[in-house]
N, C-alpha and C. Protein backbone atom coordinates (compact mmCIF):
# COMPACT_ATOMS: atom_id res chain seq x y z
N MET A 1 76.99 -24.28 63.48
CA MET A 1 78.25 -24.31 62.69
C MET A 1 78.04 -23.03 61.65
N SER A 2 79.02 -22.60 61.04
CA SER A 2 78.88 -21.42 60.28
C SER A 2 79.23 -21.60 59.04
N GLU A 3 78.68 -20.99 58.00
CA GLU A 3 79.21 -20.95 56.81
C GLU A 3 79.60 -19.50 56.01
N ARG A 4 80.66 -19.83 55.06
CA ARG A 4 81.20 -18.69 54.68
C ARG A 4 80.15 -17.88 53.32
N LEU A 5 80.41 -16.62 52.97
CA LEU A 5 79.88 -15.80 52.58
C LEU A 5 80.72 -15.07 51.95
N SER A 6 80.76 -14.67 50.66
CA SER A 6 81.50 -13.53 49.93
C SER A 6 80.45 -12.66 49.59
N ILE A 7 80.90 -11.08 49.87
CA ILE A 7 80.04 -9.82 49.28
C ILE A 7 80.97 -9.03 48.55
N VAL A 8 80.72 -8.68 47.70
CA VAL A 8 81.23 -7.46 47.43
C VAL A 8 80.75 -6.41 47.43
N ILE A 9 81.47 -5.32 47.86
CA ILE A 9 80.78 -3.70 48.77
C ILE A 9 81.30 -2.94 48.53
N PRO A 10 81.03 -1.60 47.97
CA PRO A 10 81.30 -0.35 47.62
C PRO A 10 82.51 0.25 48.36
N LYS A 11 83.78 0.79 47.63
CA LYS A 11 84.93 1.31 48.18
C LYS A 11 84.59 2.16 50.16
N LYS A 12 83.50 3.19 49.38
CA LYS A 12 83.22 4.66 50.46
C LYS A 12 82.48 3.22 51.97
N LEU A 13 82.08 2.49 51.15
CA LEU A 13 81.59 1.41 52.80
C LEU A 13 82.36 0.86 53.36
N LYS A 14 83.61 -0.04 52.49
CA LYS A 14 84.68 -0.45 52.88
C LYS A 14 85.24 0.51 53.96
N GLN A 15 85.06 1.61 53.76
CA GLN A 15 86.14 2.74 54.77
C GLN A 15 85.15 3.09 56.20
N ARG A 16 84.49 2.56 55.28
CA ARG A 16 83.39 3.35 56.61
C ARG A 16 83.22 1.98 57.96
N LEU A 17 83.15 1.05 57.16
CA LEU A 17 83.51 -0.68 58.08
C LEU A 17 85.07 -1.04 58.35
N ASP A 18 85.85 0.04 58.16
CA ASP A 18 87.34 -0.33 58.51
C ASP A 18 87.08 0.99 59.70
N GLY A 19 86.57 1.75 59.63
CA GLY A 19 86.58 3.21 60.22
C GLY A 19 86.16 2.68 61.76
N LEU A 20 84.44 1.65 61.32
CA LEU A 20 84.19 1.55 63.09
C LEU A 20 84.41 0.09 63.65
N LYS A 21 85.57 -0.37 62.67
CA LYS A 21 85.98 -2.15 63.66
C LYS A 21 87.14 -1.51 64.07
N ASP A 22 87.62 -0.58 64.14
CA ASP A 22 88.48 0.27 64.60
C ASP A 22 88.38 0.80 65.50
N ARG A 23 87.40 1.26 65.56
CA ARG A 23 86.71 2.17 66.58
C ARG A 23 86.35 1.42 67.71
N MET A 24 85.93 0.18 67.41
CA MET A 24 85.34 -0.79 68.17
C MET A 24 85.50 -1.96 69.08
N HIS A 25 87.50 -1.66 67.91
CA HIS A 25 88.43 -2.58 68.78
C HIS A 25 88.04 -4.38 67.91
N LEU A 26 87.75 -4.62 66.87
CA LEU A 26 86.31 -5.70 66.48
C LEU A 26 87.52 -6.00 64.74
N ASP A 27 87.68 -7.49 64.96
CA ASP A 27 88.15 -8.13 64.04
C ASP A 27 86.79 -8.03 62.65
N GLN A 28 87.18 -7.31 61.46
CA GLN A 28 86.13 -7.41 60.29
C GLN A 28 85.12 -8.81 60.25
N SER A 29 85.29 -10.12 60.60
CA SER A 29 84.11 -10.49 60.65
C SER A 29 83.21 -10.70 61.61
N SER A 30 83.70 -10.16 62.52
CA SER A 30 83.16 -10.15 63.94
C SER A 30 82.03 -8.95 64.06
N LEU A 31 82.78 -7.95 63.96
CA LEU A 31 81.85 -6.54 63.17
C LEU A 31 80.67 -6.97 62.21
N ILE A 32 80.93 -7.26 61.36
CA ILE A 32 80.40 -8.13 60.01
C ILE A 32 78.98 -8.73 60.61
N ARG A 33 79.22 -9.88 61.17
CA ARG A 33 78.32 -10.62 61.76
C ARG A 33 77.29 -10.25 62.88
N ASN A 34 78.22 -8.91 63.35
CA ASN A 34 77.44 -8.83 64.36
C ASN A 34 76.37 -7.24 63.85
N LEU A 35 76.57 -6.87 63.04
CA LEU A 35 75.81 -5.62 61.74
C LEU A 35 74.55 -6.75 61.39
N LEU A 36 75.23 -7.67 60.31
CA LEU A 36 73.97 -8.56 60.07
C LEU A 36 72.77 -8.89 60.84
N ASN A 37 73.41 -9.43 62.04
CA ASN A 37 72.49 -9.87 63.21
C ASN A 37 71.96 -8.62 63.77
N VAL A 38 72.28 -7.46 63.84
CA VAL A 38 71.61 -6.42 64.29
C VAL A 38 70.16 -6.04 62.94
N ALA A 39 70.95 -6.24 61.84
CA ALA A 39 70.50 -5.24 60.44
C ALA A 39 69.45 -6.41 60.58
N ILE A 40 69.50 -7.75 60.28
CA ILE A 40 68.07 -8.84 60.85
C ILE A 40 67.08 -8.77 61.63
N GLU A 41 67.70 -8.27 62.64
CA GLU A 41 66.50 -8.15 63.99
C GLU A 41 65.89 -7.01 63.63
N GLU A 42 66.35 -6.03 62.79
CA GLU A 42 65.45 -5.10 62.69
C GLU A 42 64.42 -5.43 61.55
N LYS A 43 64.66 -5.14 60.62
CA LYS A 43 64.06 -6.26 59.41
C LYS A 43 62.86 -6.70 59.41
N GLU A 44 63.45 -8.36 60.71
CA GLU A 44 62.18 -9.22 60.85
C GLU A 44 61.33 -8.50 61.36
N LYS A 45 61.31 -7.39 62.22
CA LYS A 45 60.74 -6.79 63.47
C LYS A 45 59.66 -5.59 62.44
N GLU A 46 60.21 -4.95 61.46
CA GLU A 46 59.71 -4.05 60.66
C GLU A 46 58.76 -4.60 59.64
N PHE A 47 59.36 -5.93 58.69
CA PHE A 47 58.82 -6.37 57.87
C PHE A 47 57.18 -7.22 58.29
N ALA A 48 57.64 -8.09 60.11
CA ALA A 48 56.07 -8.19 60.61
C ALA A 48 55.20 -6.99 60.90
N ILE A 49 55.58 -6.00 61.62
CA ILE A 49 54.95 -4.26 61.74
C ILE A 49 53.98 -4.83 60.56
N GLN A 50 54.81 -4.49 59.94
CA GLN A 50 54.58 -4.13 58.15
C GLN A 50 52.52 -4.86 57.89
N GLU A 51 53.25 -6.34 58.12
CA GLU A 51 52.32 -7.07 57.56
C GLU A 51 50.71 -7.62 58.32
N PHE A 52 51.29 -6.67 59.94
CA PHE A 52 50.58 -6.87 60.94
C PHE A 52 49.40 -5.55 60.39
N GLN A 53 50.33 -5.06 60.22
CA GLN A 53 49.31 -2.96 59.78
C GLN A 53 48.55 -3.26 58.65
N LYS A 54 48.87 -4.48 58.31
CA LYS A 54 47.49 -4.16 56.65
C LYS A 54 46.44 -5.45 57.17
N GLY A 55 46.86 -6.13 58.32
CA GLY A 55 45.79 -7.45 58.26
C GLY A 55 46.34 -8.30 57.74
N ARG A 56 47.49 -9.06 57.50
CA ARG A 56 47.95 -9.80 56.40
C ARG A 56 48.17 -11.08 57.93
N ILE A 57 48.52 -10.44 58.77
CA ILE A 57 48.79 -11.67 59.69
C ILE A 57 48.56 -10.95 61.21
N THR A 58 47.87 -12.18 62.29
CA THR A 58 47.45 -11.59 63.33
C THR A 58 49.19 -11.17 64.41
N LEU A 59 48.70 -10.81 65.70
CA LEU A 59 49.33 -9.85 66.20
C LEU A 59 50.50 -11.27 67.21
N GLY A 60 49.61 -12.50 66.97
CA GLY A 60 50.81 -13.30 67.65
C GLY A 60 51.47 -13.79 66.64
N GLU A 61 51.00 -14.05 65.34
CA GLU A 61 51.92 -14.49 63.93
C GLU A 61 52.97 -13.47 63.82
N ALA A 62 52.86 -12.16 63.97
CA ALA A 62 53.88 -11.54 63.96
C ALA A 62 54.48 -11.79 65.32
N VAL A 63 54.14 -11.58 66.11
CA VAL A 63 54.97 -11.95 67.16
C VAL A 63 56.53 -12.96 66.77
N LEU A 64 56.12 -13.82 65.84
CA LEU A 64 56.72 -15.22 65.69
C LEU A 64 57.82 -14.81 64.36
N LEU A 65 57.25 -14.02 63.51
CA LEU A 65 58.11 -13.25 62.04
C LEU A 65 58.80 -12.12 62.67
N ALA A 66 58.07 -11.49 63.94
CA ALA A 66 59.77 -11.12 64.45
C ALA A 66 61.00 -10.75 65.50
N ASN A 67 60.36 -12.50 65.61
CA ASN A 67 61.04 -13.70 66.16
C ASN A 67 61.48 -13.14 67.27
N THR A 68 60.38 -11.95 68.09
CA THR A 68 60.61 -11.24 69.69
C THR A 68 59.49 -11.76 70.27
N ASP A 69 58.90 -11.20 71.26
CA ASP A 69 57.82 -11.76 72.35
C ASP A 69 56.91 -10.33 72.60
N TYR A 70 56.08 -10.58 72.67
CA TYR A 70 54.69 -9.65 72.64
C TYR A 70 54.67 -8.96 73.31
N TRP A 71 55.41 -8.41 74.65
CA TRP A 71 55.81 -6.85 74.90
C TRP A 71 56.77 -6.04 74.16
N THR A 72 57.70 -6.86 73.65
CA THR A 72 58.37 -5.64 72.70
C THR A 72 57.51 -5.65 71.52
N LEU A 73 57.05 -6.50 71.19
CA LEU A 73 56.79 -5.92 70.09
C LEU A 73 54.73 -4.93 70.03
N LEU A 74 54.60 -5.13 71.47
CA LEU A 74 53.70 -4.44 71.65
C LEU A 74 54.07 -2.89 72.25
N ASP A 75 55.19 -3.11 72.33
CA ASP A 75 56.14 -1.74 73.23
C ASP A 75 56.29 -1.10 71.74
N ILE A 76 56.45 -1.64 70.69
CA ILE A 76 57.50 -0.85 69.39
C ILE A 76 55.84 0.10 68.76
N LEU A 77 54.88 -1.10 68.31
CA LEU A 77 53.52 -0.88 67.77
C LEU A 77 52.79 0.43 69.01
N HIS A 78 52.97 0.04 69.78
CA HIS A 78 52.37 1.49 71.21
C HIS A 78 53.22 2.84 70.40
N ASP A 79 54.68 2.70 70.59
CA ASP A 79 55.54 4.03 70.69
C ASP A 79 55.30 4.45 69.07
N ARG A 80 54.39 3.45 68.20
CA ARG A 80 54.85 3.86 66.73
C ARG A 80 53.40 4.43 66.46
N GLY A 81 51.98 4.62 67.52
CA GLY A 81 50.76 4.59 67.78
C GLY A 81 49.88 3.79 66.50
N ILE A 82 50.43 2.75 66.49
CA ILE A 82 49.64 1.47 65.71
C ILE A 82 49.16 0.66 66.70
N PRO A 83 47.60 0.71 66.10
CA PRO A 83 46.49 0.30 67.40
C PRO A 83 46.78 -1.30 67.36
N ALA A 84 46.82 -2.19 68.18
CA ALA A 84 46.45 -4.09 68.40
C ALA A 84 45.76 -4.16 68.42
N ASN A 85 44.29 -3.79 67.90
CA ASN A 85 43.43 -4.10 67.72
C ASN A 85 43.40 -5.73 66.98
N ILE A 86 42.81 -6.25 67.87
CA ILE A 86 42.41 -7.83 68.43
C ILE A 86 41.04 -8.36 68.16
N ASP A 87 40.40 -8.85 67.01
CA ASP A 87 38.87 -9.10 67.88
C ASP A 87 39.03 -9.98 68.27
N ILE A 88 38.40 -10.88 68.35
CA ILE A 88 37.76 -12.58 69.27
C ILE A 88 38.19 -13.33 68.92
N GLU A 89 38.36 -13.42 67.03
CA GLU A 89 38.44 -14.53 66.35
C GLU A 89 39.97 -14.74 66.37
N ASP A 90 40.83 -13.58 66.61
CA ASP A 90 42.17 -13.61 66.59
C ASP A 90 42.39 -13.94 68.13
N GLN A 91 41.98 -13.53 68.95
CA GLN A 91 41.98 -13.85 70.25
C GLN A 91 42.36 -15.28 70.71
N LEU A 92 40.91 -15.98 69.90
CA LEU A 92 41.24 -17.26 70.40
C LEU A 92 42.10 -17.91 69.56
N LYS A 93 42.25 -17.68 68.05
CA LYS A 93 43.53 -18.30 67.55
C LYS A 93 44.85 -17.89 68.34
N GLU A 94 44.87 -17.19 68.97
CA GLU A 94 46.24 -16.84 69.94
C GLU A 94 46.45 -17.67 71.12
N ILE A 95 45.04 -18.33 71.84
CA ILE A 95 44.97 -19.07 72.60
C ILE A 95 45.30 -20.59 72.48
N GLN A 96 44.48 -20.66 70.88
CA GLN A 96 44.87 -22.40 70.52
C GLN A 96 46.21 -22.56 70.43
N GLN A 97 46.59 -21.24 69.75
CA GLN A 97 48.19 -21.46 69.21
C GLN A 97 49.38 -21.73 71.77
N VAL A 98 49.19 -20.68 72.04
CA VAL A 98 49.80 -20.52 73.64
C VAL A 98 49.71 -22.07 73.61
N LYS A 99 47.87 -22.60 73.55
CA LYS A 99 48.20 -24.05 73.95
C LYS A 99 49.07 -24.83 73.48
N GLU A 100 49.42 -24.53 72.11
CA GLU A 100 50.37 -25.72 71.33
C GLU A 100 51.65 -24.97 71.30
N LYS A 101 51.88 -24.42 72.01
CA LYS A 101 53.39 -24.03 72.89
C LYS A 101 53.86 -23.53 71.69
N LYS A 102 53.58 -22.78 70.52
CA LYS A 102 53.93 -22.01 69.15
C LYS A 102 54.80 -21.38 69.99
N TYR A 103 54.72 -20.52 70.94
CA TYR A 103 55.50 -19.10 71.60
C TYR A 103 56.46 -19.41 72.62
N LYS A 104 56.71 -20.61 72.53
CA LYS A 104 57.40 -21.43 73.93
C LYS A 104 58.26 -20.98 74.32
N LYS A 105 59.33 -20.57 72.95
CA LYS A 105 60.85 -20.02 73.33
C LYS A 105 60.74 -18.08 73.64
N PHE A 106 59.19 -17.81 73.73
CA PHE A 106 59.37 -16.34 74.20
C PHE A 106 58.67 -16.21 75.42
N ILE A 107 58.35 -17.23 76.09
CA ILE A 107 58.40 -17.50 77.53
C ILE A 107 58.59 -18.24 78.36
N ASN A 108 59.26 -17.06 79.61
CA ASN A 108 60.41 -17.62 80.45
C ASN A 108 59.89 -19.24 81.67
């Protein structure tokens, strides 16, 4: 189900949007949906990584918050030089969450 959303953007941004729309041969709505999806995915990951780095959430919670899978998140952490230090309590929490199938959508 879709919902209508109205926004007001600066003229320069609209010009850039129009240029990209023409180069990609997309209609405006499709392009904006695509851009929003990419931006939201990136923001979800960034926020999850920040919260994980601050120790506010576990790695498993970061996976859920980032709406990704363990391997992708671990790769991002590795690429950024962020240690994925997981103590025994966190490991036990993760095992329990796997048992409760909280990560089911990320497991093939």
